[in-house]
N, C-alpha and C. Protein backbone atom coordinates (compact mmCIF):
# COMPACT_ATOMS: atom_id res chain seq x y z
N GLN A 1 -3.04 20.84 -4.16
CA GLN A 1 -2.18 19.65 -4.12
C GLN A 1 -3.03 18.44 -3.70
N VAL A 2 -3.00 17.41 -4.52
CA VAL A 2 -3.76 16.20 -4.21
C VAL A 2 -3.08 15.44 -3.09
N GLN A 3 -3.85 14.99 -2.14
CA GLN A 3 -3.34 14.19 -1.03
C GLN A 3 -3.85 12.77 -1.17
N LEU A 4 -3.06 11.82 -0.68
CA LEU A 4 -3.50 10.42 -0.63
C LEU A 4 -3.95 10.12 0.79
N VAL A 5 -5.10 9.48 0.91
CA VAL A 5 -5.69 9.18 2.21
C VAL A 5 -5.73 7.67 2.39
N GLU A 6 -5.07 7.20 3.43
CA GLU A 6 -4.99 5.77 3.72
C GLU A 6 -5.92 5.41 4.87
N SER A 7 -6.41 4.19 4.86
CA SER A 7 -7.24 3.70 5.96
C SER A 7 -7.09 2.19 6.07
N GLY A 8 -7.53 1.65 7.21
CA GLY A 8 -7.58 0.21 7.38
C GLY A 8 -6.50 -0.38 8.26
N GLY A 9 -5.57 0.43 8.73
CA GLY A 9 -4.52 -0.10 9.59
C GLY A 9 -5.04 -0.39 10.99
N GLY A 10 -4.14 -0.89 11.84
CA GLY A 10 -4.52 -1.14 13.21
C GLY A 10 -3.70 -2.24 13.84
N LEU A 11 -4.24 -2.78 14.92
CA LEU A 11 -3.58 -3.85 15.68
C LEU A 11 -4.30 -5.16 15.42
N VAL A 12 -3.54 -6.20 15.13
CA VAL A 12 -4.12 -7.51 14.85
C VAL A 12 -3.18 -8.58 15.41
N GLN A 13 -3.74 -9.71 15.75
CA GLN A 13 -2.92 -10.82 16.22
C GLN A 13 -2.28 -11.55 15.04
N ALA A 14 -1.19 -12.19 15.30
CA ALA A 14 -0.52 -12.98 14.27
C ALA A 14 -1.50 -14.00 13.69
N GLY A 15 -1.46 -14.12 12.36
CA GLY A 15 -2.39 -14.99 11.67
C GLY A 15 -3.64 -14.29 11.19
N GLY A 16 -3.84 -13.08 11.66
CA GLY A 16 -5.02 -12.32 11.28
C GLY A 16 -4.88 -11.60 9.96
N SER A 17 -5.89 -10.81 9.64
CA SER A 17 -5.94 -10.11 8.35
C SER A 17 -6.30 -8.65 8.54
N LEU A 18 -5.82 -7.84 7.62
CA LEU A 18 -6.20 -6.44 7.52
C LEU A 18 -6.29 -6.07 6.05
N ARG A 19 -7.10 -5.07 5.75
CA ARG A 19 -7.19 -4.56 4.38
C ARG A 19 -6.94 -3.06 4.40
N LEU A 20 -5.90 -2.66 3.71
CA LEU A 20 -5.57 -1.24 3.60
C LEU A 20 -6.20 -0.67 2.33
N SER A 21 -6.62 0.58 2.43
CA SER A 21 -7.17 1.30 1.28
C SER A 21 -6.47 2.64 1.15
N CYS A 22 -6.37 3.11 -0.07
CA CYS A 22 -5.73 4.41 -0.32
C CYS A 22 -6.39 5.05 -1.52
N GLY A 23 -6.86 6.27 -1.33
CA GLY A 23 -7.45 7.01 -2.43
C GLY A 23 -7.05 8.46 -2.38
N PRO A 24 -7.08 9.16 -3.50
CA PRO A 24 -6.68 10.56 -3.54
C PRO A 24 -7.82 11.50 -3.15
N SER A 25 -7.43 12.69 -2.67
CA SER A 25 -8.43 13.70 -2.33
C SER A 25 -8.99 14.38 -3.57
N GLY A 26 -8.27 14.25 -4.69
CA GLY A 26 -8.72 14.80 -5.96
C GLY A 26 -8.36 13.83 -7.08
N ARG A 27 -8.55 14.23 -8.27
CA ARG A 27 -8.30 13.35 -9.40
C ARG A 27 -6.83 13.36 -9.77
N ILE A 28 -6.28 12.16 -10.06
CA ILE A 28 -4.93 12.02 -10.57
C ILE A 28 -5.02 11.42 -11.96
N PHE A 29 -4.41 12.07 -12.91
CA PHE A 29 -4.49 11.63 -14.31
C PHE A 29 -3.24 10.85 -14.71
N SER A 30 -3.41 10.02 -15.69
CA SER A 30 -2.31 9.28 -16.31
C SER A 30 -1.52 8.48 -15.28
N ILE A 31 -2.22 7.71 -14.47
CA ILE A 31 -1.57 6.87 -13.49
C ILE A 31 -0.84 5.73 -14.18
N ASN A 32 0.41 5.49 -13.78
CA ASN A 32 1.15 4.37 -14.36
C ASN A 32 1.38 3.24 -13.37
N ALA A 33 1.30 3.55 -12.08
CA ALA A 33 1.48 2.50 -11.08
C ALA A 33 0.90 2.95 -9.75
N MET A 34 0.49 1.97 -8.96
CA MET A 34 -0.01 2.23 -7.61
C MET A 34 0.61 1.17 -6.71
N GLY A 35 1.05 1.57 -5.55
CA GLY A 35 1.73 0.60 -4.72
C GLY A 35 1.71 0.90 -3.25
N TRP A 36 2.26 -0.06 -2.51
CA TRP A 36 2.39 0.06 -1.07
C TRP A 36 3.84 -0.18 -0.67
N TYR A 37 4.30 0.64 0.24
CA TYR A 37 5.63 0.50 0.83
C TYR A 37 5.45 0.42 2.34
N ARG A 38 6.50 -0.01 3.02
CA ARG A 38 6.44 -0.03 4.48
C ARG A 38 7.81 0.29 5.06
N GLN A 39 7.76 0.79 6.28
CA GLN A 39 9.00 1.13 6.98
C GLN A 39 8.83 0.79 8.46
N ALA A 40 9.70 -0.09 8.92
CA ALA A 40 9.73 -0.45 10.34
C ALA A 40 10.81 0.40 11.02
N PRO A 41 10.69 0.61 12.31
CA PRO A 41 11.70 1.43 13.02
C PRO A 41 13.10 0.88 12.80
N GLY A 42 14.01 1.78 12.42
CA GLY A 42 15.39 1.40 12.20
C GLY A 42 15.68 0.80 10.84
N ASN A 43 14.63 0.63 10.03
CA ASN A 43 14.80 0.05 8.71
C ASN A 43 14.52 1.07 7.61
N GLN A 44 15.00 0.76 6.43
CA GLN A 44 14.69 1.60 5.28
C GLN A 44 13.28 1.27 4.76
N ARG A 45 12.70 2.22 4.07
CA ARG A 45 11.40 1.98 3.46
C ARG A 45 11.59 0.95 2.34
N GLU A 46 10.69 -0.02 2.30
CA GLU A 46 10.79 -1.07 1.29
C GLU A 46 9.47 -1.21 0.54
N GLU A 47 9.59 -1.63 -0.70
CA GLU A 47 8.41 -1.89 -1.52
C GLU A 47 7.73 -3.16 -1.04
N VAL A 48 6.44 -3.11 -0.90
CA VAL A 48 5.65 -4.28 -0.51
C VAL A 48 4.97 -4.89 -1.73
N ALA A 49 4.25 -4.05 -2.46
CA ALA A 49 3.52 -4.53 -3.64
C ALA A 49 3.22 -3.36 -4.55
N THR A 50 3.21 -3.63 -5.86
CA THR A 50 2.89 -2.62 -6.86
C THR A 50 1.99 -3.22 -7.91
N ILE A 51 1.03 -2.44 -8.36
CA ILE A 51 0.20 -2.84 -9.50
C ILE A 51 0.33 -1.78 -10.58
N TYR A 52 0.59 -2.23 -11.80
CA TYR A 52 0.86 -1.33 -12.90
C TYR A 52 -0.40 -1.09 -13.73
N SER A 53 -0.33 -0.09 -14.59
CA SER A 53 -1.52 0.31 -15.35
C SER A 53 -2.06 -0.83 -16.20
N GLY A 54 -1.17 -1.72 -16.64
CA GLY A 54 -1.62 -2.84 -17.46
C GLY A 54 -2.19 -3.99 -16.65
N GLY A 55 -2.08 -3.89 -15.32
CA GLY A 55 -2.63 -4.92 -14.46
C GLY A 55 -1.61 -5.86 -13.85
N SER A 56 -0.38 -5.79 -14.32
CA SER A 56 0.64 -6.68 -13.75
C SER A 56 0.98 -6.23 -12.33
N THR A 57 1.47 -7.17 -11.56
CA THR A 57 1.77 -6.88 -10.15
C THR A 57 3.17 -7.35 -9.79
N ASN A 58 3.67 -6.77 -8.72
CA ASN A 58 4.97 -7.17 -8.20
C ASN A 58 4.88 -7.18 -6.68
N TYR A 59 5.46 -8.22 -6.07
CA TYR A 59 5.40 -8.37 -4.62
C TYR A 59 6.80 -8.60 -4.05
N ALA A 60 7.02 -8.10 -2.86
CA ALA A 60 8.21 -8.45 -2.12
C ALA A 60 8.15 -9.94 -1.79
N ASP A 61 9.29 -10.58 -1.80
CA ASP A 61 9.32 -12.03 -1.52
C ASP A 61 8.69 -12.35 -0.17
N SER A 62 8.87 -11.46 0.78
CA SER A 62 8.41 -11.72 2.14
C SER A 62 6.88 -11.73 2.27
N VAL A 63 6.17 -11.22 1.27
CA VAL A 63 4.70 -11.16 1.37
C VAL A 63 4.00 -11.98 0.30
N LYS A 64 4.76 -12.57 -0.60
CA LYS A 64 4.14 -13.37 -1.67
C LYS A 64 3.30 -14.49 -1.08
N GLY A 65 2.11 -14.65 -1.64
CA GLY A 65 1.21 -15.69 -1.16
C GLY A 65 0.37 -15.27 0.03
N ARG A 66 0.68 -14.14 0.64
CA ARG A 66 -0.08 -13.67 1.80
C ARG A 66 -0.80 -12.35 1.53
N PHE A 67 -0.18 -11.48 0.75
CA PHE A 67 -0.74 -10.16 0.45
C PHE A 67 -1.22 -10.12 -0.99
N THR A 68 -2.29 -9.37 -1.22
CA THR A 68 -2.81 -9.17 -2.56
C THR A 68 -3.11 -7.70 -2.78
N ILE A 69 -2.54 -7.15 -3.85
CA ILE A 69 -2.80 -5.76 -4.20
C ILE A 69 -3.85 -5.71 -5.31
N SER A 70 -4.74 -4.74 -5.22
CA SER A 70 -5.76 -4.57 -6.25
C SER A 70 -6.08 -3.08 -6.39
N ARG A 71 -6.83 -2.74 -7.43
CA ARG A 71 -7.12 -1.32 -7.66
C ARG A 71 -8.52 -1.16 -8.21
N ASP A 72 -9.08 0.00 -7.98
CA ASP A 72 -10.35 0.40 -8.58
C ASP A 72 -10.05 1.62 -9.43
N ASN A 73 -10.01 1.41 -10.73
CA ASN A 73 -9.62 2.49 -11.62
C ASN A 73 -10.63 3.64 -11.64
N THR A 74 -11.87 3.33 -11.36
CA THR A 74 -12.90 4.39 -11.38
C THR A 74 -12.72 5.36 -10.23
N LYS A 75 -12.09 4.89 -9.16
CA LYS A 75 -11.91 5.73 -7.98
C LYS A 75 -10.44 6.09 -7.74
N ASN A 76 -9.56 5.63 -8.62
CA ASN A 76 -8.12 5.82 -8.41
C ASN A 76 -7.70 5.32 -7.03
N THR A 77 -8.29 4.22 -6.61
CA THR A 77 -8.05 3.67 -5.28
C THR A 77 -7.29 2.36 -5.38
N VAL A 78 -6.37 2.18 -4.44
CA VAL A 78 -5.59 0.95 -4.39
C VAL A 78 -5.80 0.29 -3.03
N TYR A 79 -5.81 -1.03 -3.04
CA TYR A 79 -6.06 -1.81 -1.83
C TYR A 79 -4.92 -2.79 -1.59
N LEU A 80 -4.73 -3.14 -0.34
CA LEU A 80 -3.77 -4.19 0.01
C LEU A 80 -4.44 -5.12 1.01
N GLN A 81 -4.78 -6.31 0.55
CA GLN A 81 -5.34 -7.33 1.43
C GLN A 81 -4.18 -8.10 2.04
N MET A 82 -4.11 -8.08 3.36
CA MET A 82 -3.00 -8.72 4.06
C MET A 82 -3.55 -9.86 4.91
N ASN A 83 -3.17 -11.08 4.56
CA ASN A 83 -3.59 -12.27 5.29
C ASN A 83 -2.39 -12.93 5.96
N SER A 84 -2.68 -13.80 6.89
CA SER A 84 -1.62 -14.55 7.60
C SER A 84 -0.54 -13.61 8.09
N LEU A 85 -0.94 -12.55 8.72
CA LEU A 85 0.01 -11.53 9.17
C LEU A 85 0.97 -12.08 10.22
N LYS A 86 2.18 -11.58 10.17
CA LYS A 86 3.25 -11.99 11.07
C LYS A 86 3.74 -10.76 11.84
N PRO A 87 4.33 -10.97 13.01
CA PRO A 87 4.88 -9.83 13.75
C PRO A 87 5.87 -9.01 12.94
N GLU A 88 6.60 -9.66 12.06
CA GLU A 88 7.58 -8.92 11.23
C GLU A 88 6.92 -8.06 10.16
N ASP A 89 5.62 -8.15 10.01
CA ASP A 89 4.90 -7.24 9.11
C ASP A 89 4.60 -5.90 9.78
N THR A 90 4.88 -5.81 11.06
CA THR A 90 4.64 -4.57 11.79
C THR A 90 5.48 -3.44 11.20
N ALA A 91 4.81 -2.37 10.82
CA ALA A 91 5.50 -1.23 10.19
C ALA A 91 4.48 -0.12 9.93
N THR A 92 5.00 1.01 9.50
CA THR A 92 4.14 2.05 8.93
C THR A 92 4.06 1.79 7.44
N TYR A 93 2.84 1.70 6.94
CA TYR A 93 2.61 1.41 5.52
C TYR A 93 2.26 2.70 4.78
N TYR A 94 2.88 2.87 3.63
CA TYR A 94 2.69 4.08 2.83
C TYR A 94 2.15 3.71 1.46
N CYS A 95 1.17 4.46 1.04
CA CYS A 95 0.63 4.31 -0.30
C CYS A 95 1.40 5.22 -1.25
N GLN A 96 1.60 4.75 -2.47
CA GLN A 96 2.24 5.58 -3.49
C GLN A 96 1.47 5.44 -4.80
N ILE A 97 1.27 6.56 -5.46
CA ILE A 97 0.68 6.57 -6.80
C ILE A 97 1.62 7.30 -7.73
N GLY A 98 1.95 6.67 -8.84
CA GLY A 98 2.82 7.27 -9.83
C GLY A 98 2.04 7.70 -11.05
N SER A 99 2.45 8.82 -11.61
CA SER A 99 1.76 9.37 -12.77
C SER A 99 2.76 9.79 -13.83
N TYR A 100 2.33 9.74 -15.10
CA TYR A 100 3.18 10.25 -16.18
C TYR A 100 3.24 11.78 -16.15
N LEU A 101 2.34 12.40 -15.41
CA LEU A 101 2.28 13.86 -15.32
C LEU A 101 2.88 14.33 -13.99
N ALA A 102 3.47 15.52 -14.02
CA ALA A 102 4.01 16.09 -12.79
C ALA A 102 2.91 16.25 -11.76
N PRO A 103 3.19 16.03 -10.47
CA PRO A 103 4.52 15.83 -9.89
C PRO A 103 5.04 14.40 -9.93
N HIS A 104 4.40 13.54 -10.67
CA HIS A 104 4.85 12.18 -10.97
C HIS A 104 4.70 11.18 -9.84
N VAL A 105 4.92 11.57 -8.61
CA VAL A 105 4.81 10.64 -7.49
C VAL A 105 4.03 11.29 -6.36
N TYR A 106 3.05 10.57 -5.84
CA TYR A 106 2.26 10.99 -4.70
C TYR A 106 2.46 9.96 -3.58
N TRP A 107 2.58 10.46 -2.36
CA TRP A 107 2.73 9.59 -1.20
C TRP A 107 1.61 9.85 -0.19
N GLY A 108 1.18 8.78 0.46
CA GLY A 108 0.28 8.93 1.58
C GLY A 108 1.06 9.30 2.83
N GLN A 109 0.32 9.61 3.88
CA GLN A 109 0.95 10.07 5.12
C GLN A 109 1.45 8.90 5.98
N GLY A 110 1.05 7.71 5.63
CA GLY A 110 1.47 6.53 6.37
C GLY A 110 0.40 6.08 7.35
N ILE A 111 0.28 4.77 7.51
CA ILE A 111 -0.69 4.21 8.44
C ILE A 111 -0.04 3.03 9.16
N GLN A 112 -0.29 2.95 10.45
CA GLN A 112 0.39 1.95 11.27
C GLN A 112 -0.32 0.61 11.20
N VAL A 113 0.49 -0.43 11.03
CA VAL A 113 0.03 -1.81 11.13
C VAL A 113 0.89 -2.49 12.20
N THR A 114 0.24 -3.02 13.21
CA THR A 114 0.94 -3.70 14.29
C THR A 114 0.40 -5.11 14.44
N VAL A 115 1.29 -6.09 14.37
CA VAL A 115 0.91 -7.49 14.49
C VAL A 115 1.51 -8.04 15.78
N SER A 116 0.66 -8.46 16.67
CA SER A 116 1.14 -8.99 17.96
C SER A 116 1.32 -10.51 17.87
N SER A 117 2.27 -11.00 18.63
CA SER A 117 2.56 -12.44 18.60
C SER A 117 1.74 -13.19 19.63
């Protein structure tokens, strides 16, 4: 079973930056989308950003202009550059990779991002 491995989280002051990375432990074929979700305590998991196989992207309104998603197709790796971080960005961030092949969706184990005011 392929696992997704996330890195780059941590504690940062408001206004600071972090870069999250996510890559698989093995090869994933026929990827159709790669994205990041987040979940704060007491809240539902929400989509943060997604990049599709054709290169188009989608962002949550709350992060537009501050976060940038990118991918390295040679490594099946997805990145999330987070700038101008706010305390409300504090959450556990999850990587997701979607594939046309079963099991179709892969999730990372989650990585903590904490923004202090």
